[in-house]
């Protein structure tokens, strides 16, 4: 089952913000303001008040933290379409279409890939090495990765003793989210992404999970092709809305 009403709350807990509040069925997340998913209002249901009032309350909540208001809307959700219409009237526009994919967990342990329960220094170095615009962005994401509840897995691939690629899995019941995948430039096109993916899947299965989900930029054709070859299929698309 790839229903966004099932996956979205699990995905939120698998990529935890440093601060969150509930507004009826809306969830407001904030961290340092960089990563979209943890600095965004997610619509999981009705806000429990007139929608315009809810939008204004969201804007005020983010303004108090020095961040722009941002909404995350699942494209196939009728309630989301209604919210999007109101946001357009207030000067918002959508950006960064993101595909959620799901599939079976299939993998095997790899002798060159360690999967551990804590983030090590080599993992930090690979993850933050030029992948983001500035250190603040990488720092926020590493903090979010470290907040993932146990059980979890942080994978590090090494080639001839050199740290080369990393990835993470967040495990909740039958579901495991695969995220935080990074490969250093000198080690790309060696199949490390697939090997890390499979090692994380094996780790998640050993922890009791059977299904995986992931979220990838809709224009990242290479990554999507990799995930499709591992048995994953598109589940739904979401976009961010921002002034």
C-alpha atoms as a PDB file:
ATOM      1  CA  UNK A   1       0.000   0.000   0.000  1.00  0.00           C
ATOM      2  CA  UNK A   2       1.511   3.338  -1.129  1.00  0.00           C
ATOM      3  CA  UNK A   3      -1.145   5.699   0.195  1.00  0.00           C
ATOM      4  CA  UNK A   4       0.324   9.126   1.056  1.00  0.00           C
ATOM      5  CA  UNK A   5      -1.853   9.140   4.178  1.00  0.00           C
ATOM      6  CA  UNK A   6       0.201   6.137   5.330  1.00  0.00           C
ATOM      7  CA  UNK A   7       3.647   7.121   4.073  1.00  0.00           C
ATOM      8  CA  UNK A   8       3.649  10.863   4.784  1.00  0.00           C
ATOM      9  CA  UNK A   9       3.432  10.644   8.607  1.00  0.00           C
ATOM     10  CA  UNK A  10       6.048   7.879   8.633  1.00  0.00           C
ATOM     11  CA  UNK A  11       8.308   9.931   6.370  1.00  0.00           C
ATOM     12  CA  UNK A  12       7.956  12.931   8.695  1.00  0.00           C
ATOM     13  CA  UNK A  13       9.090  10.853  11.654  1.00  0.00           C
ATOM     14  CA  UNK A  14      11.896   9.385   9.556  1.00  0.00           C
ATOM     15  CA  UNK A  15      13.327  12.836   8.750  1.00  0.00           C
ATOM     16  CA  UNK A  16      12.640  14.652  12.017  1.00  0.00           C
ATOM     17  CA  UNK A  17      12.690  18.415  12.383  1.00  0.00           C
ATOM     18  CA  UNK A  18      14.110  20.029  15.495  1.00  0.00           C
ATOM     19  CA  UNK A  19      10.751  21.689  16.210  1.00  0.00           C
ATOM     20  CA  UNK A  20       7.180  20.800  15.289  1.00  0.00           C
ATOM     21  CA  UNK A  21       3.652  21.809  16.238  1.00  0.00           C
ATOM     22  CA  UNK A  22       0.206  20.533  15.296  1.00  0.00           C
ATOM     23  CA  UNK A  23      -2.581  22.650  13.840  1.00  0.00           C
ATOM     24  CA  UNK A  24      -5.456  20.236  13.489  1.00  0.00           C
ATOM     25  CA  UNK A  25      -4.346  17.961  10.665  1.00  0.00           C
ATOM     26  CA  UNK A  26      -1.543  20.295   9.615  1.00  0.00           C
ATOM     27  CA  UNK A  27       2.000  19.810  10.906  1.00  0.00           C
ATOM     28  CA  UNK A  28       4.459  22.689  11.047  1.00  0.00           C
ATOM     29  CA  UNK A  29       8.140  21.721  10.998  1.00  0.00           C
ATOM     30  CA  UNK A  30      11.185  23.931  11.482  1.00  0.00           C
ATOM     31  CA  UNK A  31      14.917  23.447  11.889  1.00  0.00           C
ATOM     32  CA  UNK A  32      17.513  25.852  10.513  1.00  0.00           C
ATOM     33  CA  UNK A  33      15.492  26.829   7.455  1.00  0.00           C
ATOM     34  CA  UNK A  34      17.416  24.979   4.723  1.00  0.00           C
ATOM     35  CA  UNK A  35      15.986  21.513   3.998  1.00  0.00           C
ATOM     36  CA  UNK A  36      12.501  21.721   2.536  1.00  0.00           C
ATOM     37  CA  UNK A  37      10.915  18.791   4.306  1.00  0.00           C
ATOM     38  CA  UNK A  38      11.866  19.919   7.815  1.00  0.00           C
ATOM     39  CA  UNK A  39      11.029  23.596   7.323  1.00  0.00           C
ATOM     40  CA  UNK A  40       7.565  23.194   5.876  1.00  0.00           C
ATOM     41  CA  UNK A  41       3.885  22.905   6.753  1.00  0.00           C
ATOM     42  CA  UNK A  42       2.630  19.432   5.815  1.00  0.00           C
ATOM     43  CA  UNK A  43      -1.065  18.944   5.166  1.00  0.00           C
ATOM     44  CA  UNK A  44      -2.129  15.624   6.727  1.00  0.00           C
ATOM     45  CA  UNK A  45      -5.783  16.638   7.199  1.00  0.00           C
ATOM     46  CA  UNK A  46      -8.035  19.624   7.887  1.00  0.00           C
ATOM     47  CA  UNK A  47      -6.460  22.415   9.981  1.00  0.00           C
ATOM     48  CA  UNK A  48      -9.395  22.667  12.398  1.00  0.00           C
ATOM     49  CA  UNK A  49     -10.120  26.306  11.524  1.00  0.00           C
ATOM     50  CA  UNK A  50     -10.983  28.272   8.369  1.00  0.00           C
ATOM     51  CA  UNK A  51      -8.245  27.675   5.827  1.00  0.00           C
ATOM     52  CA  UNK A  52      -7.360  31.343   5.357  1.00  0.00           C
ATOM     53  CA  UNK A  53      -6.939  31.725   9.113  1.00  0.00           C
ATOM     54  CA  UNK A  54      -4.759  28.611   9.140  1.00  0.00           C
ATOM     55  CA  UNK A  55      -2.557  29.970   6.337  1.00  0.00           C
ATOM     56  CA  UNK A  56      -2.134  33.251   8.222  1.00  0.00           C
ATOM     57  CA  UNK A  57      -1.229  31.360  11.395  1.00  0.00           C
ATOM     58  CA  UNK A  58       1.371  29.319   9.484  1.00  0.00           C
ATOM     59  CA  UNK A  59       2.866  32.487   8.017  1.00  0.00           C
ATOM     60  CA  UNK A  60       3.084  34.066  11.467  1.00  0.00           C
ATOM     61  CA  UNK A  61       4.666  30.937  12.986  1.00  0.00           C
ATOM     62  CA  UNK A  62       7.454  30.839  10.408  1.00  0.00           C
ATOM     63  CA  UNK A  63       7.945  34.621  10.448  1.00  0.00           C
ATOM     64  CA  UNK A  64       8.547  34.420  14.217  1.00  0.00           C
ATOM     65  CA  UNK A  65      11.445  32.061  13.435  1.00  0.00           C
ATOM     66  CA  UNK A  66      12.858  34.176  10.635  1.00  0.00           C
ATOM     67  CA  UNK A  67      11.851  31.742   7.888  1.00  0.00           C
ATOM     68  CA  UNK A  68       9.542  32.140   4.891  1.00  0.00           C
ATOM     69  CA  UNK A  69       6.286  30.214   5.082  1.00  0.00           C
ATOM     70  CA  UNK A  70       6.419  27.078   2.951  1.00  0.00           C
ATOM     71  CA  UNK A  71       3.758  24.438   2.306  1.00  0.00           C
ATOM     72  CA  UNK A  72       4.220  20.853   1.114  1.00  0.00           C
ATOM     73  CA  UNK A  73       1.249  19.608  -0.924  1.00  0.00           C
ATOM     74  CA  UNK A  74       0.692  16.134  -2.375  1.00  0.00           C
ATOM     75  CA  UNK A  75      -0.412  16.620  -5.962  1.00  0.00           C
ATOM     76  CA  UNK A  76      -3.169  13.972  -6.039  1.00  0.00           C
ATOM     77  CA  UNK A  77      -4.840  15.217  -2.831  1.00  0.00           C
ATOM     78  CA  UNK A  78      -8.131  17.106  -3.528  1.00  0.00           C
ATOM     79  CA  UNK A  79      -7.745  19.053  -0.282  1.00  0.00           C
ATOM     80  CA  UNK A  80      -4.249  19.973  -1.382  1.00  0.00           C
ATOM     81  CA  UNK A  81      -5.575  21.307  -4.685  1.00  0.00           C
ATOM     82  CA  UNK A  82      -8.010  23.535  -2.806  1.00  0.00           C
ATOM     83  CA  UNK A  83      -5.203  24.809  -0.575  1.00  0.00           C
ATOM     84  CA  UNK A  84      -3.018  25.462  -3.610  1.00  0.00           C
ATOM     85  CA  UNK A  85      -5.732  27.679  -5.134  1.00  0.00           C
ATOM     86  CA  UNK A  86      -5.777  29.839  -2.009  1.00  0.00           C
ATOM     87  CA  UNK A  87      -1.999  30.001  -1.913  1.00  0.00           C
ATOM     88  CA  UNK A  88      -1.866  31.194  -5.536  1.00  0.00           C
ATOM     89  CA  UNK A  89      -4.195  34.041  -4.590  1.00  0.00           C
ATOM     90  CA  UNK A  90      -1.706  35.027  -1.868  1.00  0.00           C
ATOM     91  CA  UNK A  91       1.243  35.095  -4.252  1.00  0.00           C
ATOM     92  CA  UNK A  92       2.613  31.588  -3.699  1.00  0.00           C
ATOM     93  CA  UNK A  93       4.106  29.476  -6.475  1.00  0.00           C
ATOM     94  CA  UNK A  94       5.079  25.815  -6.546  1.00  0.00           C
ATOM     95  CA  UNK A  95       8.605  24.494  -6.999  1.00  0.00           C
ATOM     96  CA  UNK A  96      10.782  21.387  -6.561  1.00  0.00           C
ATOM     97  CA  UNK A  97       8.441  18.588  -7.677  1.00  0.00           C
ATOM     98  CA  UNK A  98       9.472  15.546  -5.662  1.00  0.00           C
ATOM     99  CA  UNK A  99       8.578  11.934  -6.342  1.00  0.00           C
ATOM    100  CA  UNK A 100       7.824   9.483  -3.553  1.00  0.00           C
ATOM    101  CA  UNK A 101       8.533   5.893  -4.570  1.00  0.00           C
ATOM    102  CA  UNK A 102       7.881   2.631  -2.755  1.00  0.00           C
ATOM    103  CA  UNK A 103       8.754  -1.006  -3.207  1.00  0.00           C
ATOM    104  CA  UNK A 104       9.898  -4.238  -1.580  1.00  0.00           C
ATOM    105  CA  UNK A 105      13.077  -4.350   0.472  1.00  0.00           C
ATOM    106  CA  UNK A 106      15.614  -6.540  -1.300  1.00  0.00           C
ATOM    107  CA  UNK A 107      19.296  -6.580  -0.507  1.00  0.00           C
ATOM    108  CA  UNK A 108      22.229  -8.329   1.060  1.00  0.00           C
ATOM    109  CA  UNK A 109      25.075  -7.413   3.420  1.00  0.00           C
ATOM    110  CA  UNK A 110      28.215  -6.139   1.708  1.00  0.00           C
ATOM    111  CA  UNK A 111      31.692  -6.692   3.205  1.00  0.00           C
ATOM    112  CA  UNK A 112      32.814  -3.251   2.024  1.00  0.00           C
ATOM    113  CA  UNK A 113      29.838  -1.429   3.539  1.00  0.00           C
ATOM    114  CA  UNK A 114      29.392  -0.986   7.275  1.00  0.00           C
ATOM    115  CA  UNK A 115      25.903  -0.211   8.555  1.00  0.00           C
ATOM    116  CA  UNK A 116      25.946   1.142  12.089  1.00  0.00           C
ATOM    117  CA  UNK A 117      23.513   2.709  14.526  1.00  0.00           C
ATOM    118  CA  UNK A 118      25.417   5.970  14.976  1.00  0.00           C
ATOM    119  CA  UNK A 119      26.930   8.539  12.618  1.00  0.00           C
ATOM    120  CA  UNK A 120      30.706   8.335  12.435  1.00  0.00           C
ATOM    121  CA  UNK A 121      33.190  11.012  11.401  1.00  0.00           C
ATOM    122  CA  UNK A 122      33.799   9.434   7.978  1.00  0.00           C
ATOM    123  CA  UNK A 123      30.061   9.437   7.310  1.00  0.00           C
ATOM    124  CA  UNK A 124      29.881  13.144   8.213  1.00  0.00           C
ATOM    125  CA  UNK A 125      32.769  13.973   5.930  1.00  0.00           C
ATOM    126  CA  UNK A 126      31.321  12.179   2.899  1.00  0.00           C
ATOM    127  CA  UNK A 127      27.800  13.472   3.441  1.00  0.00           C
ATOM    128  CA  UNK A 128      28.830  17.117   3.748  1.00  0.00           C
ATOM    129  CA  UNK A 129      31.564  17.207   1.113  1.00  0.00           C
ATOM    130  CA  UNK A 130      30.348  19.823  -1.372  1.00  0.00           C
ATOM    131  CA  UNK A 131      26.883  18.306  -1.738  1.00  0.00           C
ATOM    132  CA  UNK A 132      25.109  21.385  -0.410  1.00  0.00           C
ATOM    133  CA  UNK A 133      25.364  25.132  -0.851  1.00  0.00           C
ATOM    134  CA  UNK A 134      26.950  25.859   2.493  1.00  0.00           C
ATOM    135  CA  UNK A 135      27.971  24.241   5.763  1.00  0.00           C
ATOM    136  CA  UNK A 136      24.781  25.393   7.456  1.00  0.00           C
ATOM    137  CA  UNK A 137      22.671  23.326   5.050  1.00  0.00           C
ATOM    138  CA  UNK A 138      24.814  20.209   5.464  1.00  0.00           C
ATOM    139  CA  UNK A 139      24.845  20.712   9.239  1.00  0.00           C
ATOM    140  CA  UNK A 140      21.060  20.891   9.394  1.00  0.00           C
ATOM    141  CA  UNK A 141      20.706  17.671   7.418  1.00  0.00           C
ATOM    142  CA  UNK A 142      23.254  15.837   9.541  1.00  0.00           C
ATOM    143  CA  UNK A 143      21.391  16.956  12.665  1.00  0.00           C
ATOM    144  CA  UNK A 144      18.155  15.588  11.179  1.00  0.00           C
ATOM    145  CA  UNK A 145      19.840  12.289  10.324  1.00  0.00           C
ATOM    146  CA  UNK A 146      21.118  11.997  13.889  1.00  0.00           C
ATOM    147  CA  UNK A 147      17.567  12.530  15.239  1.00  0.00           C
ATOM    148  CA  UNK A 148      16.152   9.523  13.371  1.00  0.00           C
ATOM    149  CA  UNK A 149      14.668   7.198  16.005  1.00  0.00           C
ATOM    150  CA  UNK A 150      16.124   3.755  16.551  1.00  0.00           C
ATOM    151  CA  UNK A 151      16.237   1.282  14.902  1.00  0.00           C
ATOM    152  CA  UNK A 152      18.102   3.024  12.111  1.00  0.00           C
ATOM    153  CA  UNK A 153      21.139   2.452   9.952  1.00  0.00           C
ATOM    154  CA  UNK A 154      23.972   4.638   8.682  1.00  0.00           C
ATOM    155  CA  UNK A 155      25.899   3.000   5.845  1.00  0.00           C
ATOM    156  CA  UNK A 156      29.495   3.813   4.914  1.00  0.00           C
ATOM    157  CA  UNK A 157      31.144   2.336   1.821  1.00  0.00           C
ATOM    158  CA  UNK A 158      34.927   2.235   1.637  1.00  0.00           C
ATOM    159  CA  UNK A 159      37.165   1.624  -1.368  1.00  0.00           C
ATOM    160  CA  UNK A 160      40.757   0.624  -0.523  1.00  0.00           C
ATOM    161  CA  UNK A 161      40.283   2.067   2.940  1.00  0.00           C
ATOM    162  CA  UNK A 162      38.943   5.417   1.702  1.00  0.00           C
ATOM    163  CA  UNK A 163      35.423   6.549   2.627  1.00  0.00           C
ATOM    164  CA  UNK A 164      33.499   6.776  -0.642  1.00  0.00           C
ATOM    165  CA  UNK A 165      29.709   6.701  -0.214  1.00  0.00           C
ATOM    166  CA  UNK A 166      27.026   6.863   2.472  1.00  0.00           C
ATOM    167  CA  UNK A 167      23.321   6.294   2.949  1.00  0.00           C
ATOM    168  CA  UNK A 168      20.749   6.053   5.723  1.00  0.00           C
ATOM    169  CA  UNK A 169      17.639   4.059   6.544  1.00  0.00           C
ATOM    170  CA  UNK A 170      14.891   5.106   8.952  1.00  0.00           C
ATOM    171  CA  UNK A 171      12.866   2.115  10.164  1.00  0.00           C
ATOM    172  CA  UNK A 172       9.328   2.153  11.528  1.00  0.00           C
ATOM    173  CA  UNK A 173       7.404  -1.118  11.683  1.00  0.00           C
ATOM    174  CA  UNK A 174       7.105  -2.662   8.237  1.00  0.00           C
ATOM    175  CA  UNK A 175       8.398   0.497   6.527  1.00  0.00           C
ATOM    176  CA  UNK A 176      11.952   1.700   5.977  1.00  0.00           C
ATOM    177  CA  UNK A 177      12.867   5.009   4.391  1.00  0.00           C
ATOM    178  CA  UNK A 178      16.058   5.103   2.339  1.00  0.00           C
ATOM    179  CA  UNK A 179      17.591   8.581   2.433  1.00  0.00           C
ATOM    180  CA  UNK A 180      20.780  10.587   2.738  1.00  0.00           C
ATOM    181  CA  UNK A 181      22.466   8.870  -0.204  1.00  0.00           C
ATOM    182  CA  UNK A 182      25.786  10.504  -1.194  1.00  0.00           C
ATOM    183  CA  UNK A 183      28.825   9.379  -3.195  1.00  0.00           C
ATOM    184  CA  UNK A 184      32.061  11.369  -3.406  1.00  0.00           C
ATOM    185  CA  UNK A 185      32.870  12.618  -6.912  1.00  0.00           C
ATOM    186  CA  UNK A 186      36.002  10.463  -7.276  1.00  0.00           C
ATOM    187  CA  UNK A 187      33.990   7.287  -6.677  1.00  0.00           C
ATOM    188  CA  UNK A 188      30.947   7.843  -8.873  1.00  0.00           C
ATOM    189  CA  UNK A 189      29.926   5.475 -11.672  1.00  0.00           C
ATOM    190  CA  UNK A 190      31.284   2.492  -9.739  1.00  0.00           C
ATOM    191  CA  UNK A 191      27.907   1.140  -8.665  1.00  0.00           C
ATOM    192  CA  UNK A 192      28.343   2.247  -5.047  1.00  0.00           C
ATOM    193  CA  UNK A 193      24.891   3.813  -4.849  1.00  0.00           C
ATOM    194  CA  UNK A 194      23.241   0.500  -5.677  1.00  0.00           C
ATOM    195  CA  UNK A 195      25.434  -1.391  -3.219  1.00  0.00           C
ATOM    196  CA  UNK A 196      24.700   1.061  -0.398  1.00  0.00           C
ATOM    197  CA  UNK A 197      21.002   0.866  -1.237  1.00  0.00           C
ATOM    198  CA  UNK A 198      21.011  -2.920  -1.019  1.00  0.00           C
ATOM    199  CA  UNK A 199      23.045  -2.969   2.191  1.00  0.00           C
ATOM    200  CA  UNK A 200      20.556  -0.604   3.822  1.00  0.00           C
ATOM    201  CA  UNK A 201      17.644  -2.725   2.592  1.00  0.00           C
ATOM    202  CA  UNK A 202      19.226  -5.826   4.136  1.00  0.00           C
ATOM    203  CA  UNK A 203      19.756  -3.960   7.419  1.00  0.00           C
ATOM    204  CA  UNK A 204      16.102  -2.862   7.446  1.00  0.00           C
ATOM    205  CA  UNK A 205      14.849  -6.392   6.739  1.00  0.00           C
ATOM    206  CA  UNK A 206      16.935  -7.692   9.642  1.00  0.00           C
ATOM    207  CA  UNK A 207      15.184  -5.088  11.822  1.00  0.00           C
ATOM    208  CA  UNK A 208      11.746  -6.385  10.761  1.00  0.00           C
ATOM    209  CA  UNK A 209      10.829  -4.110   7.836  1.00  0.00           C
ATOM    210  CA  UNK A 210       9.505  -5.420   4.536  1.00  0.00           C
ATOM    211  CA  UNK A 211       8.632  -2.335   2.459  1.00  0.00           C
ATOM    212  CA  UNK A 212      10.681   0.702   1.539  1.00  0.00           C
ATOM    213  CA  UNK A 213       9.952   4.267   0.551  1.00  0.00           C
ATOM    214  CA  UNK A 214      12.150   7.075  -0.690  1.00  0.00           C
ATOM    215  CA  UNK A 215      11.800  10.617  -1.974  1.00  0.00           C
ATOM    216  CA  UNK A 216      13.737  11.924  -4.964  1.00  0.00           C
ATOM    217  CA  UNK A 217      13.679  15.080  -7.099  1.00  0.00           C
ATOM    218  CA  UNK A 218      11.358  14.387 -10.032  1.00  0.00           C
ATOM    219  CA  UNK A 219      14.017  15.527 -12.534  1.00  0.00           C
ATOM    220  CA  UNK A 220      16.725  13.176 -11.179  1.00  0.00           C
ATOM    221  CA  UNK A 221      16.329  10.621 -13.955  1.00  0.00           C
ATOM    222  CA  UNK A 222      19.478   8.670 -13.075  1.00  0.00           C
ATOM    223  CA  UNK A 223      18.450   8.098  -9.452  1.00  0.00           C
ATOM    224  CA  UNK A 224      14.876   7.223 -10.433  1.00  0.00           C
ATOM    225  CA  UNK A 225      16.167   4.646 -12.931  1.00  0.00           C
ATOM    226  CA  UNK A 226      18.308   3.077 -10.199  1.00  0.00           C
ATOM    227  CA  UNK A 227      15.371   2.838  -7.803  1.00  0.00           C
ATOM    228  CA  UNK A 228      13.075   1.429 -10.489  1.00  0.00           C
ATOM    229  CA  UNK A 229      15.638  -1.260 -11.260  1.00  0.00           C
ATOM    230  CA  UNK A 230      15.507  -2.203  -7.563  1.00  0.00           C
ATOM    231  CA  UNK A 231      11.737  -2.772  -7.764  1.00  0.00           C
ATOM    232  CA  UNK A 232      10.486   0.666  -6.688  1.00  0.00           C
ATOM    233  CA  UNK A 233       7.611   2.421  -8.420  1.00  0.00           C
ATOM    234  CA  UNK A 234       6.229   5.969  -8.258  1.00  0.00           C
ATOM    235  CA  UNK A 235       3.623   6.372  -5.511  1.00  0.00           C
ATOM    236  CA  UNK A 236       2.815  10.095  -5.593  1.00  0.00           C
ATOM    237  CA  UNK A 237       4.276  13.512  -6.313  1.00  0.00           C
ATOM    238  CA  UNK A 238       4.464  16.500  -4.003  1.00  0.00           C
ATOM    239  CA  UNK A 239       5.584  20.097  -4.454  1.00  0.00           C
ATOM    240  CA  UNK A 240       6.636  22.935  -2.202  1.00  0.00           C
ATOM    241  CA  UNK A 241       4.687  26.183  -2.285  1.00  0.00           C
ATOM    242  CA  UNK A 242       6.375  29.428  -1.354  1.00  0.00           C
ATOM    243  CA  UNK A 243       6.006  33.140  -2.014  1.00  0.00           C
END
